Amino acid sequence: MSRCTRCDSEITSGYVLCSRCYERINALREAAVMQEEYQRLTAEKKLSKKAICALCVPFRDKYGLTDLQTLRIAREEMSLMEMLQLFHFVKER
């Protein structure tokens, strides 16, 4: 029987993280992709309300965030520590 290295939940043999902790890592990966796409839209001067909604709303809905939290992530206005706390990687101080 294997245990998650992060939360000590029982996991399938061969994995290091349980599916819940792995999903949190995916959230950070998807946040990075969203930030890159936001920067691309800004650089190409194609940033419109419709483009922002198309980019941010699926991420917001998937992770249960507020509009402000999602925009702060997309605009790179949220620190890595804040994101880690938001996705419950670390406890708030």
N, C-alpha and C. Protein backbone atom coordinates (compact mmCIF):
# COMPACT_ATOMS: atom_id res chain seq x y z
N MET A 1 0.85 -1.17 0.00
CA MET A 1 0.00 0.00 0.00
C MET A 1 0.90 1.24 0.00
N SER A 2 0.65 2.12 -0.95
CA SER A 2 1.42 3.36 -1.05
C SER A 2 0.63 4.51 -0.47
N ARG A 3 1.35 5.55 -0.10
CA ARG A 3 0.74 6.75 0.48
C ARG A 3 1.19 7.97 -0.29
N CYS A 4 0.29 8.95 -0.41
CA CYS A 4 0.60 10.23 -1.05
C CYS A 4 1.68 10.93 -0.25
N THR A 5 2.70 11.45 -0.93
CA THR A 5 3.78 12.14 -0.24
C THR A 5 3.34 13.48 0.32
N ARG A 6 2.22 13.98 -0.13
CA ARG A 6 1.75 15.28 0.33
C ARG A 6 0.73 15.18 1.46
N CYS A 7 -0.30 14.35 1.28
CA CYS A 7 -1.39 14.32 2.27
C CYS A 7 -1.52 12.97 2.98
N ASP A 8 -0.69 12.01 2.62
CA ASP A 8 -0.66 10.69 3.24
C ASP A 8 -1.91 9.85 2.98
N SER A 9 -2.69 10.18 1.95
CA SER A 9 -3.83 9.36 1.57
C SER A 9 -3.34 8.11 0.85
N GLU A 10 -4.12 7.06 0.93
CA GLU A 10 -3.77 5.84 0.23
C GLU A 10 -3.89 6.07 -1.27
N ILE A 11 -2.92 5.58 -2.04
CA ILE A 11 -2.92 5.80 -3.49
C ILE A 11 -2.64 4.50 -4.22
N THR A 12 -2.84 4.55 -5.52
CA THR A 12 -2.54 3.42 -6.36
C THR A 12 -1.04 3.23 -6.43
N SER A 13 -0.60 2.02 -6.39
CA SER A 13 0.82 1.73 -6.43
C SER A 13 1.48 2.33 -7.67
N GLY A 14 2.66 2.92 -7.49
CA GLY A 14 3.40 3.49 -8.59
C GLY A 14 3.27 5.00 -8.70
N TYR A 15 2.32 5.60 -7.99
CA TYR A 15 2.14 7.04 -8.02
C TYR A 15 2.73 7.66 -6.76
N VAL A 16 3.10 8.92 -6.85
CA VAL A 16 3.66 9.62 -5.71
C VAL A 16 2.60 10.47 -5.01
N LEU A 17 1.62 10.96 -5.77
CA LEU A 17 0.57 11.81 -5.23
C LEU A 17 -0.79 11.16 -5.44
N CYS A 18 -1.72 11.43 -4.54
CA CYS A 18 -3.10 10.97 -4.74
C CYS A 18 -3.74 11.83 -5.82
N SER A 19 -4.87 11.41 -6.31
CA SER A 19 -5.52 12.13 -7.42
C SER A 19 -5.92 13.54 -7.01
N ARG A 20 -6.31 13.74 -5.75
CA ARG A 20 -6.71 15.07 -5.28
C ARG A 20 -5.51 16.03 -5.30
N CYS A 21 -4.36 15.58 -4.82
CA CYS A 21 -3.16 16.43 -4.82
C CYS A 21 -2.65 16.65 -6.24
N TYR A 22 -2.75 15.62 -7.08
CA TYR A 22 -2.32 15.75 -8.47
C TYR A 22 -3.18 16.77 -9.20
N GLU A 23 -4.47 16.80 -8.90
CA GLU A 23 -5.37 17.78 -9.52
C GLU A 23 -4.97 19.21 -9.15
N ARG A 24 -4.49 19.39 -7.94
CA ARG A 24 -4.03 20.71 -7.53
C ARG A 24 -2.81 21.15 -8.32
N ILE A 25 -1.93 20.20 -8.63
CA ILE A 25 -0.77 20.53 -9.46
C ILE A 25 -1.23 20.92 -10.86
N ASN A 26 -2.23 20.24 -11.37
CA ASN A 26 -2.79 20.59 -12.68
C ASN A 26 -3.35 22.01 -12.67
N ALA A 27 -3.91 22.44 -11.55
CA ALA A 27 -4.44 23.80 -11.45
C ALA A 27 -3.34 24.82 -11.66
N LEU A 28 -2.18 24.58 -11.08
CA LEU A 28 -1.05 25.50 -11.26
C LEU A 28 -0.55 25.48 -12.70
N ARG A 29 -0.53 24.30 -13.29
CA ARG A 29 -0.11 24.18 -14.69
C ARG A 29 -1.08 24.93 -15.61
N GLU A 30 -2.37 24.75 -15.37
CA GLU A 30 -3.38 25.44 -16.18
C GLU A 30 -3.33 26.95 -15.96
N ALA A 31 -3.00 27.37 -14.75
CA ALA A 31 -2.86 28.80 -14.47
C ALA A 31 -1.72 29.38 -15.30
N ALA A 32 -0.61 28.65 -15.39
CA ALA A 32 0.53 29.12 -16.18
C ALA A 32 0.16 29.23 -17.66
N VAL A 33 -0.59 28.27 -18.18
CA VAL A 33 -1.03 28.32 -19.57
C VAL A 33 -1.95 29.51 -19.79
N MET A 34 -2.86 29.75 -18.85
CA MET A 34 -3.77 30.89 -18.95
C MET A 34 -3.00 32.20 -18.95
N GLN A 35 -1.97 32.30 -18.11
CA GLN A 35 -1.14 33.51 -18.06
C GLN A 35 -0.43 33.75 -19.39
N GLU A 36 0.10 32.68 -19.98
CA GLU A 36 0.77 32.82 -21.28
C GLU A 36 -0.20 33.29 -22.36
N GLU A 37 -1.39 32.73 -22.37
CA GLU A 37 -2.40 33.10 -23.36
C GLU A 37 -2.84 34.55 -23.16
N TYR A 38 -3.00 34.96 -21.90
CA TYR A 38 -3.36 36.35 -21.59
C TYR A 38 -2.28 37.29 -22.10
N GLN A 39 -1.02 36.95 -21.88
CA GLN A 39 0.10 37.78 -22.34
C GLN A 39 0.12 37.85 -23.87
N ARG A 40 -0.18 36.72 -24.53
CA ARG A 40 -0.22 36.70 -26.00
C ARG A 40 -1.31 37.63 -26.51
N LEU A 41 -2.49 37.55 -25.91
CA LEU A 41 -3.60 38.42 -26.33
C LEU A 41 -3.24 39.89 -26.11
N THR A 42 -2.57 40.19 -25.02
CA THR A 42 -2.15 41.56 -24.73
C THR A 42 -1.14 42.04 -25.76
N ALA A 43 -0.17 41.20 -26.07
CA ALA A 43 0.87 41.57 -27.03
C ALA A 43 0.31 41.78 -28.43
N GLU A 44 -0.68 40.99 -28.79
CA GLU A 44 -1.29 41.11 -30.12
C GLU A 44 -2.40 42.16 -30.15
N LYS A 45 -2.62 42.83 -29.03
CA LYS A 45 -3.67 43.85 -28.91
C LYS A 45 -5.05 43.30 -29.28
N LYS A 46 -5.30 42.05 -28.89
CA LYS A 46 -6.59 41.41 -29.14
C LYS A 46 -7.33 41.12 -27.84
N LEU A 47 -6.98 41.86 -26.80
CA LEU A 47 -7.57 41.63 -25.50
C LEU A 47 -8.90 42.39 -25.42
N SER A 48 -9.97 41.64 -25.46
CA SER A 48 -11.32 42.22 -25.38
C SER A 48 -12.06 41.52 -24.23
N LYS A 49 -13.20 42.07 -23.88
CA LYS A 49 -13.99 41.44 -22.82
C LYS A 49 -14.37 40.02 -23.21
N LYS A 50 -14.72 39.84 -24.46
CA LYS A 50 -15.10 38.51 -24.96
C LYS A 50 -13.91 37.54 -24.88
N ALA A 51 -12.72 38.00 -25.25
CA ALA A 51 -11.53 37.16 -25.20
C ALA A 51 -11.17 36.80 -23.76
N ILE A 52 -11.29 37.77 -22.85
CA ILE A 52 -11.00 37.50 -21.44
C ILE A 52 -11.98 36.48 -20.89
N CYS A 53 -13.25 36.63 -21.20
CA CYS A 53 -14.26 35.68 -20.73
C CYS A 53 -14.00 34.28 -21.27
N ALA A 54 -13.68 34.18 -22.55
CA ALA A 54 -13.41 32.88 -23.16
C ALA A 54 -12.20 32.21 -22.51
N LEU A 55 -11.24 32.99 -22.11
CA LEU A 55 -10.03 32.47 -21.49
C LEU A 55 -10.22 32.13 -20.02
N CYS A 56 -10.86 33.02 -19.29
CA CYS A 56 -10.90 32.92 -17.82
C CYS A 56 -12.09 32.16 -17.24
N VAL A 57 -13.25 32.25 -17.85
CA VAL A 57 -14.45 31.66 -17.26
C VAL A 57 -14.33 30.14 -17.07
N PRO A 58 -13.83 29.38 -18.05
CA PRO A 58 -13.70 27.93 -17.81
C PRO A 58 -12.78 27.60 -16.62
N PHE A 59 -11.68 28.33 -16.49
CA PHE A 59 -10.75 28.13 -15.38
C PHE A 59 -11.43 28.49 -14.06
N ARG A 60 -12.12 29.61 -14.04
CA ARG A 60 -12.84 30.06 -12.84
C ARG A 60 -13.85 29.02 -12.39
N ASP A 61 -14.65 28.53 -13.34
CA ASP A 61 -15.69 27.56 -13.01
C ASP A 61 -15.11 26.22 -12.56
N LYS A 62 -14.05 25.78 -13.21
CA LYS A 62 -13.43 24.49 -12.88
C LYS A 62 -12.89 24.46 -11.46
N TYR A 63 -12.30 25.57 -11.02
CA TYR A 63 -11.65 25.60 -9.72
C TYR A 63 -12.44 26.39 -8.67
N GLY A 64 -13.64 26.85 -9.00
CA GLY A 64 -14.50 27.51 -8.04
C GLY A 64 -13.94 28.82 -7.51
N LEU A 65 -13.32 29.59 -8.39
CA LEU A 65 -12.72 30.86 -8.00
C LEU A 65 -13.67 32.02 -8.27
N THR A 66 -13.33 33.17 -7.72
CA THR A 66 -14.09 34.37 -8.02
C THR A 66 -13.52 35.00 -9.30
N ASP A 67 -14.26 35.94 -9.87
CA ASP A 67 -13.77 36.64 -11.06
C ASP A 67 -12.45 37.36 -10.75
N LEU A 68 -12.40 38.02 -9.59
CA LEU A 68 -11.20 38.76 -9.22
C LEU A 68 -9.99 37.85 -9.04
N GLN A 69 -10.17 36.71 -8.39
CA GLN A 69 -9.06 35.77 -8.22
C GLN A 69 -8.55 35.29 -9.58
N THR A 70 -9.47 34.98 -10.46
CA THR A 70 -9.09 34.48 -11.78
C THR A 70 -8.35 35.55 -12.59
N LEU A 71 -8.85 36.77 -12.57
CA LEU A 71 -8.17 37.85 -13.29
C LEU A 71 -6.80 38.15 -12.71
N ARG A 72 -6.67 38.10 -11.40
CA ARG A 72 -5.36 38.34 -10.78
C ARG A 72 -4.36 37.27 -11.21
N ILE A 73 -4.82 36.03 -11.33
CA ILE A 73 -3.94 34.96 -11.80
C ILE A 73 -3.56 35.21 -13.26
N ALA A 74 -4.54 35.49 -14.11
CA ALA A 74 -4.27 35.71 -15.53
C ALA A 74 -3.32 36.88 -15.76
N ARG A 75 -3.49 37.94 -14.99
CA ARG A 75 -2.65 39.13 -15.15
C ARG A 75 -1.31 39.03 -14.43
N GLU A 76 -1.07 37.89 -13.79
CA GLU A 76 0.15 37.65 -13.01
C GLU A 76 0.28 38.65 -11.86
N GLU A 77 -0.85 39.00 -11.26
CA GLU A 77 -0.88 39.91 -10.12
C GLU A 77 -0.92 39.15 -8.79
N MET A 78 -1.04 37.82 -8.86
CA MET A 78 -1.09 37.01 -7.66
C MET A 78 0.24 36.29 -7.50
N SER A 79 0.80 36.36 -6.32
CA SER A 79 2.09 35.71 -6.07
C SER A 79 1.92 34.19 -6.08
N LEU A 80 3.03 33.51 -6.25
CA LEU A 80 3.00 32.05 -6.23
C LEU A 80 2.49 31.55 -4.88
N MET A 81 2.91 32.18 -3.80
CA MET A 81 2.46 31.76 -2.47
C MET A 81 0.95 31.91 -2.34
N GLU A 82 0.39 33.00 -2.86
CA GLU A 82 -1.06 33.18 -2.81
C GLU A 82 -1.78 32.08 -3.60
N MET A 83 -1.22 31.72 -4.76
CA MET A 83 -1.83 30.64 -5.55
C MET A 83 -1.73 29.31 -4.82
N LEU A 84 -0.60 29.05 -4.20
CA LEU A 84 -0.45 27.81 -3.44
C LEU A 84 -1.47 27.75 -2.31
N GLN A 85 -1.69 28.86 -1.64
CA GLN A 85 -2.69 28.91 -0.58
C GLN A 85 -4.10 28.76 -1.15
N LEU A 86 -4.36 29.38 -2.28
CA LEU A 86 -5.67 29.32 -2.91
C LEU A 86 -6.04 27.88 -3.28
N PHE A 87 -5.06 27.14 -3.79
CA PHE A 87 -5.30 25.75 -4.18
C PHE A 87 -4.97 24.77 -3.07
N HIS A 88 -4.80 25.28 -1.85
CA HIS A 88 -4.61 24.47 -0.64
C HIS A 88 -3.35 23.61 -0.66
N PHE A 89 -2.27 24.13 -1.24
CA PHE A 89 -0.98 23.44 -1.18
C PHE A 89 -0.31 23.73 0.15
N VAL A 90 -0.46 24.94 0.62
CA VAL A 90 0.13 25.35 1.89
C VAL A 90 -0.94 26.02 2.73
N LYS A 91 -0.77 25.94 4.03
CA LYS A 91 -1.73 26.58 4.93
C LYS A 91 -1.42 28.06 5.01
N GLU A 92 -2.48 28.85 5.17
CA GLU A 92 -2.30 30.29 5.31
C GLU A 92 -1.61 30.58 6.63
N ARG A 93 -0.79 31.61 6.60
CA ARG A 93 -0.03 31.97 7.80
C ARG A 93 -0.83 32.84 8.72
